[in-house]
C-alpha atoms as a PDB file:
ATOM      1  CA  UNK A   1     -25.584 108.707  -0.541  1.00  0.00           C
ATOM      2  CA  UNK A   2     -28.146 108.487   2.256  1.00  0.00           C
ATOM      3  CA  UNK A   3     -29.674 105.161   3.188  1.00  0.00           C
ATOM      4  CA  UNK A   4     -33.367 105.159   4.045  1.00  0.00           C
ATOM      5  CA  UNK A   5     -33.629 103.263   7.308  1.00  0.00           C
ATOM      6  CA  UNK A   6     -37.278 103.867   8.247  1.00  0.00           C
ATOM      7  CA  UNK A   7     -40.427 104.550   6.271  1.00  0.00           C
ATOM      8  CA  UNK A   8     -43.552 106.326   7.529  1.00  0.00           C
ATOM      9  CA  UNK A   9     -46.808 106.421   5.575  1.00  0.00           C
ATOM     10  CA  UNK A  10     -48.076 109.858   6.600  1.00  0.00           C
ATOM     11  CA  UNK A  11     -49.210 113.142   5.107  1.00  0.00           C
ATOM     12  CA  UNK A  12     -50.515 111.872   1.780  1.00  0.00           C
ATOM     13  CA  UNK A  13     -54.094 111.132   2.729  1.00  0.00           C
ATOM     14  CA  UNK A  14     -55.397 108.401   5.005  1.00  0.00           C
ATOM     15  CA  UNK A  15     -53.201 105.317   4.474  1.00  0.00           C
ATOM     16  CA  UNK A  16     -55.768 102.843   5.839  1.00  0.00           C
ATOM     17  CA  UNK A  17     -58.215 103.937   3.118  1.00  0.00           C
ATOM     18  CA  UNK A  18     -55.655 103.553   0.325  1.00  0.00           C
ATOM     19  CA  UNK A  19     -56.200 100.258  -1.484  1.00  0.00           C
ATOM     20  CA  UNK A  20     -52.526 100.202  -2.527  1.00  0.00           C
ATOM     21  CA  UNK A  21     -51.142 100.346   1.026  1.00  0.00           C
ATOM     22  CA  UNK A  22     -51.056  96.592   1.605  1.00  0.00           C
ATOM     23  CA  UNK A  23     -49.322  95.987  -1.723  1.00  0.00           C
ATOM     24  CA  UNK A  24     -46.782  98.784  -1.109  1.00  0.00           C
ATOM     25  CA  UNK A  25     -45.903  97.420   2.339  1.00  0.00           C
ATOM     26  CA  UNK A  26     -45.634  93.882   0.938  1.00  0.00           C
ATOM     27  CA  UNK A  27     -43.102  95.107  -1.655  1.00  0.00           C
ATOM     28  CA  UNK A  28     -41.138  96.980   1.022  1.00  0.00           C
ATOM     29  CA  UNK A  29     -41.031  93.876   3.238  1.00  0.00           C
ATOM     30  CA  UNK A  30     -40.408  91.260   0.534  1.00  0.00           C
ATOM     31  CA  UNK A  31     -36.937  89.683   0.592  1.00  0.00           C
ATOM     32  CA  UNK A  32     -36.845  90.090  -3.189  1.00  0.00           C
ATOM     33  CA  UNK A  33     -38.072  93.660  -2.815  1.00  0.00           C
ATOM     34  CA  UNK A  34     -36.530  96.131  -0.375  1.00  0.00           C
ATOM     35  CA  UNK A  35     -36.412  93.686   2.578  1.00  0.00           C
ATOM     36  CA  UNK A  36     -37.606  96.070   5.315  1.00  0.00           C
ATOM     37  CA  UNK A  37     -38.784  94.541   8.588  1.00  0.00           C
ATOM     38  CA  UNK A  38     -42.045  95.430  10.338  1.00  0.00           C
ATOM     39  CA  UNK A  39     -40.123  97.610  12.800  1.00  0.00           C
ATOM     40  CA  UNK A  40     -38.788  99.786   9.988  1.00  0.00           C
ATOM     41  CA  UNK A  41     -42.233 100.786   8.696  1.00  0.00           C
ATOM     42  CA  UNK A  42     -44.888 102.920  10.411  1.00  0.00           C
ATOM     43  CA  UNK A  43     -48.429 103.508   9.181  1.00  0.00           C
ATOM     44  CA  UNK A  44     -50.050 106.698  10.489  1.00  0.00           C
ATOM     45  CA  UNK A  45     -53.817 106.887  10.727  1.00  0.00           C
ATOM     46  CA  UNK A  46     -56.259 109.634  11.609  1.00  0.00           C
ATOM     47  CA  UNK A  47     -58.278 106.948  13.374  1.00  0.00           C
ATOM     48  CA  UNK A  48     -60.214 104.785  10.928  1.00  0.00           C
ATOM     49  CA  UNK A  49     -61.247 102.283  13.625  1.00  0.00           C
ATOM     50  CA  UNK A  50     -62.962  99.941  11.149  1.00  0.00           C
ATOM     51  CA  UNK A  51     -59.643  99.305   9.327  1.00  0.00           C
ATOM     52  CA  UNK A  52     -57.296  98.815  12.299  1.00  0.00           C
ATOM     53  CA  UNK A  53     -57.937  95.087  12.872  1.00  0.00           C
ATOM     54  CA  UNK A  54     -57.381  94.367   9.180  1.00  0.00           C
ATOM     55  CA  UNK A  55     -54.106  96.309   9.308  1.00  0.00           C
ATOM     56  CA  UNK A  56     -53.004  94.280  12.344  1.00  0.00           C
ATOM     57  CA  UNK A  57     -53.687  90.983  10.586  1.00  0.00           C
ATOM     58  CA  UNK A  58     -52.536  91.866   7.075  1.00  0.00           C
ATOM     59  CA  UNK A  59     -49.826  94.534   7.475  1.00  0.00           C
ATOM     60  CA  UNK A  60     -48.384  94.234  10.982  1.00  0.00           C
ATOM     61  CA  UNK A  61     -46.069  97.255  11.067  1.00  0.00           C
ATOM     62  CA  UNK A  62     -45.821  99.949  13.705  1.00  0.00           C
ATOM     63  CA  UNK A  63     -49.001 102.028  13.927  1.00  0.00           C
ATOM     64  CA  UNK A  64     -49.226 105.735  14.749  1.00  0.00           C
ATOM     65  CA  UNK A  65     -52.512 107.411  15.644  1.00  0.00           C
ATOM     66  CA  UNK A  66     -53.027 111.142  15.117  1.00  0.00           C
ATOM     67  CA  UNK A  67     -54.837 111.584  18.416  1.00  0.00           C
ATOM     68  CA  UNK A  68     -54.331 115.282  19.327  1.00  0.00           C
ATOM     69  CA  UNK A  69     -56.962 115.223  22.099  1.00  0.00           C
ATOM     70  CA  UNK A  70     -57.782 112.817  24.945  1.00  0.00           C
ATOM     71  CA  UNK A  71     -61.601 113.067  24.835  1.00  0.00           C
ATOM     72  CA  UNK A  72     -64.307 112.977  22.172  1.00  0.00           C
ATOM     73  CA  UNK A  73     -65.582 116.539  22.587  1.00  0.00           C
ATOM     74  CA  UNK A  74     -62.182 118.112  22.104  1.00  0.00           C
ATOM     75  CA  UNK A  75     -61.030 115.649  19.458  1.00  0.00           C
ATOM     76  CA  UNK A  76     -64.116 116.376  17.337  1.00  0.00           C
ATOM     77  CA  UNK A  77     -63.119 120.060  17.263  1.00  0.00           C
ATOM     78  CA  UNK A  78     -59.586 119.215  16.146  1.00  0.00           C
ATOM     79  CA  UNK A  79     -60.183 115.969  14.218  1.00  0.00           C
ATOM     80  CA  UNK A  80     -63.630 115.826  12.560  1.00  0.00           C
ATOM     81  CA  UNK A  81     -63.067 112.095  11.823  1.00  0.00           C
ATOM     82  CA  UNK A  82     -63.829 111.571  15.527  1.00  0.00           C
ATOM     83  CA  UNK A  83     -67.518 112.244  14.790  1.00  0.00           C
ATOM     84  CA  UNK A  84     -67.550 108.856  13.032  1.00  0.00           C
ATOM     85  CA  UNK A  85     -64.910 106.920  14.990  1.00  0.00           C
ATOM     86  CA  UNK A  86     -65.110 107.677  18.721  1.00  0.00           C
ATOM     87  CA  UNK A  87     -62.161 107.279  21.071  1.00  0.00           C
ATOM     88  CA  UNK A  88     -63.702 104.229  22.821  1.00  0.00           C
ATOM     89  CA  UNK A  89     -63.931 102.472  19.426  1.00  0.00           C
ATOM     90  CA  UNK A  90     -60.325 103.392  18.696  1.00  0.00           C
ATOM     91  CA  UNK A  91     -59.190 102.076  22.085  1.00  0.00           C
ATOM     92  CA  UNK A  92     -60.893  98.732  21.435  1.00  0.00           C
ATOM     93  CA  UNK A  93     -59.193  98.401  18.049  1.00  0.00           C
ATOM     94  CA  UNK A  94     -55.800  99.592  19.320  1.00  0.00           C
ATOM     95  CA  UNK A  95     -55.929  96.989  22.094  1.00  0.00           C
ATOM     96  CA  UNK A  96     -56.504  94.383  19.406  1.00  0.00           C
ATOM     97  CA  UNK A  97     -53.695  95.785  17.230  1.00  0.00           C
ATOM     98  CA  UNK A  98     -51.158  95.622  20.057  1.00  0.00           C
ATOM     99  CA  UNK A  99     -52.286  92.088  20.980  1.00  0.00           C
ATOM    100  CA  UNK A 100     -51.534  90.923  17.433  1.00  0.00           C
ATOM    101  CA  UNK A 101     -48.473  93.007  16.534  1.00  0.00           C
ATOM    102  CA  UNK A 102     -46.929  93.008  20.043  1.00  0.00           C
ATOM    103  CA  UNK A 103     -45.663  96.585  19.664  1.00  0.00           C
ATOM    104  CA  UNK A 104     -46.875  99.839  21.241  1.00  0.00           C
ATOM    105  CA  UNK A 105     -48.992 102.384  19.413  1.00  0.00           C
ATOM    106  CA  UNK A 106     -47.391 105.778  18.762  1.00  0.00           C
ATOM    107  CA  UNK A 107     -49.842 108.519  19.717  1.00  0.00           C
ATOM    108  CA  UNK A 108     -49.245 111.769  17.817  1.00  0.00           C
ATOM    109  CA  UNK A 109     -50.341 114.812  19.801  1.00  0.00           C
ATOM    110  CA  UNK A 110     -49.868 118.330  18.399  1.00  0.00           C
ATOM    111  CA  UNK A 111     -49.761 120.790  21.308  1.00  0.00           C
ATOM    112  CA  UNK A 112     -52.267 123.649  20.976  1.00  0.00           C
ATOM    113  CA  UNK A 113     -52.085 126.503  23.473  1.00  0.00           C
ATOM    114  CA  UNK A 114     -55.065 126.574  25.818  1.00  0.00           C
ATOM    115  CA  UNK A 115     -56.821 123.832  23.859  1.00  0.00           C
ATOM    116  CA  UNK A 116     -55.293 120.409  24.535  1.00  0.00           C
ATOM    117  CA  UNK A 117     -52.323 121.294  26.744  1.00  0.00           C
ATOM    118  CA  UNK A 118     -54.005 121.584  30.146  1.00  0.00           C
ATOM    119  CA  UNK A 119     -53.245 119.439  33.185  1.00  0.00           C
ATOM    120  CA  UNK A 120     -56.716 117.899  32.853  1.00  0.00           C
ATOM    121  CA  UNK A 121     -55.870 116.878  29.270  1.00  0.00           C
ATOM    122  CA  UNK A 122     -52.619 115.324  30.524  1.00  0.00           C
ATOM    123  CA  UNK A 123     -54.583 113.339  33.136  1.00  0.00           C
ATOM    124  CA  UNK A 124     -57.072 112.148  30.518  1.00  0.00           C
ATOM    125  CA  UNK A 125     -54.256 111.219  28.139  1.00  0.00           C
ATOM    126  CA  UNK A 126     -52.577 109.109  30.839  1.00  0.00           C
ATOM    127  CA  UNK A 127     -55.886 107.303  31.491  1.00  0.00           C
ATOM    128  CA  UNK A 128     -56.157 106.604  27.771  1.00  0.00           C
ATOM    129  CA  UNK A 129     -52.527 105.381  27.532  1.00  0.00           C
ATOM    130  CA  UNK A 130     -53.125 103.001  30.445  1.00  0.00           C
ATOM    131  CA  UNK A 131     -55.522 100.970  28.287  1.00  0.00           C
ATOM    132  CA  UNK A 132     -53.030  99.646  25.708  1.00  0.00           C
ATOM    133  CA  UNK A 133     -49.252  99.712  25.160  1.00  0.00           C
ATOM    134  CA  UNK A 134     -48.419 103.154  23.814  1.00  0.00           C
ATOM    135  CA  UNK A 135     -45.942 106.012  23.597  1.00  0.00           C
ATOM    136  CA  UNK A 136     -46.832 109.645  22.938  1.00  0.00           C
ATOM    137  CA  UNK A 137     -45.060 112.084  20.648  1.00  0.00           C
ATOM    138  CA  UNK A 138     -45.842 115.660  21.714  1.00  0.00           C
ATOM    139  CA  UNK A 139     -45.419 117.817  18.616  1.00  0.00           C
ATOM    140  CA  UNK A 140     -44.804 121.555  18.506  1.00  0.00           C
ATOM    141  CA  UNK A 141     -47.536 123.267  16.488  1.00  0.00           C
ATOM    142  CA  UNK A 142     -46.482 125.505  13.612  1.00  0.00           C
ATOM    143  CA  UNK A 143     -49.004 128.248  12.979  1.00  0.00           C
ATOM    144  CA  UNK A 144     -49.726 130.003   9.699  1.00  0.00           C
ATOM    145  CA  UNK A 145     -51.622 133.192   8.817  1.00  0.00           C
ATOM    146  CA  UNK A 146     -55.314 132.908   9.652  1.00  0.00           C
ATOM    147  CA  UNK A 147     -55.164 129.750  11.788  1.00  0.00           C
ATOM    148  CA  UNK A 148     -57.164 129.866  15.027  1.00  0.00           C
ATOM    149  CA  UNK A 149     -54.661 127.835  17.076  1.00  0.00           C
ATOM    150  CA  UNK A 150     -51.445 128.964  18.740  1.00  0.00           C
ATOM    151  CA  UNK A 151     -48.455 126.833  19.706  1.00  0.00           C
ATOM    152  CA  UNK A 152     -48.000 125.777  23.308  1.00  0.00           C
ATOM    153  CA  UNK A 153     -44.895 127.319  24.858  1.00  0.00           C
ATOM    154  CA  UNK A 154     -41.934 124.952  25.106  1.00  0.00           C
ATOM    155  CA  UNK A 155     -41.864 125.095  28.928  1.00  0.00           C
ATOM    156  CA  UNK A 156     -45.511 124.030  29.013  1.00  0.00           C
ATOM    157  CA  UNK A 157     -44.885 121.165  26.574  1.00  0.00           C
ATOM    158  CA  UNK A 158     -42.059 120.022  28.842  1.00  0.00           C
ATOM    159  CA  UNK A 159     -44.355 120.210  31.899  1.00  0.00           C
ATOM    160  CA  UNK A 160     -47.045 118.189  30.063  1.00  0.00           C
ATOM    161  CA  UNK A 161     -44.434 115.612  29.045  1.00  0.00           C
ATOM    162  CA  UNK A 162     -43.041 115.346  32.581  1.00  0.00           C
ATOM    163  CA  UNK A 163     -46.535 114.685  33.944  1.00  0.00           C
ATOM    164  CA  UNK A 164     -46.944 111.741  31.547  1.00  0.00           C
ATOM    165  CA  UNK A 165     -43.464 110.400  32.330  1.00  0.00           C
ATOM    166  CA  UNK A 166     -44.033 110.742  36.078  1.00  0.00           C
ATOM    167  CA  UNK A 167     -47.061 108.471  35.683  1.00  0.00           C
ATOM    168  CA  UNK A 168     -44.824 105.827  34.082  1.00  0.00           C
ATOM    169  CA  UNK A 169     -45.516 106.344  30.383  1.00  0.00           C
ATOM    170  CA  UNK A 170     -43.181 107.231  27.523  1.00  0.00           C
ATOM    171  CA  UNK A 171     -43.467 110.788  26.226  1.00  0.00           C
ATOM    172  CA  UNK A 172     -41.250 112.419  23.625  1.00  0.00           C
ATOM    173  CA  UNK A 173     -41.185 116.027  22.432  1.00  0.00           C
ATOM    174  CA  UNK A 174     -40.911 116.311  18.678  1.00  0.00           C
ATOM    175  CA  UNK A 175     -40.217 119.430  16.721  1.00  0.00           C
ATOM    176  CA  UNK A 176     -42.474 119.554  13.692  1.00  0.00           C
ATOM    177  CA  UNK A 177     -40.408 120.093  10.575  1.00  0.00           C
ATOM    178  CA  UNK A 178     -41.154 121.863   7.325  1.00  0.00           C
ATOM    179  CA  UNK A 179     -42.510 125.078   8.836  1.00  0.00           C
ATOM    180  CA  UNK A 180     -40.035 127.107   6.782  1.00  0.00           C
ATOM    181  CA  UNK A 181     -41.964 126.157   3.622  1.00  0.00           C
ATOM    182  CA  UNK A 182     -45.442 125.950   5.226  1.00  0.00           C
ATOM    183  CA  UNK A 183     -45.323 122.157   5.033  1.00  0.00           C
ATOM    184  CA  UNK A 184     -45.340 121.200   8.719  1.00  0.00           C
ATOM    185  CA  UNK A 185     -48.185 119.459  10.584  1.00  0.00           C
ATOM    186  CA  UNK A 186     -51.424 120.755   9.078  1.00  0.00           C
ATOM    187  CA  UNK A 187     -49.769 123.412   6.952  1.00  0.00           C
ATOM    188  CA  UNK A 188     -50.017 121.747   3.558  1.00  0.00           C
ATOM    189  CA  UNK A 189     -53.595 123.037   3.383  1.00  0.00           C
ATOM    190  CA  UNK A 190     -52.145 126.513   2.827  1.00  0.00           C
END
């Protein structure tokens, strides 16, 4: 029997827009419920800036942001939600979140060959990370038939990660799972 040690709200729609999120987390954290601590639960958001302060005050778990690009122009191509919630608005809210929760934000960053994996992107990402406590997870992209993006080569992901680490920030390389059944990052649409 496996014991579930950590829970991540991710991949089932935007958690911060789900009216049942707060209740679900309360049950998970309740001593008469499953008794999970804040550090055992992560909420992942695509970047609904208007809901981040409320989450800080009413939920208080780890927060992960699906960032995927360090500037508005590029992020709008990858994450259309950025047309409504710009990076500067996200930064303001993430600063607030970390001031309340006292934990770093996990930045999720899927590596796309020739798109968001350049040295200039690494420099911009470091400038962004300098504004609030954060760690970045660099995720290998899993392609599928017909997709316009290609995965960044592993050596280039490692170079990107080293640049971030050399500037004093935490960077981890994550292998995206589920590609064998077309269920990895972004693949559920297929």
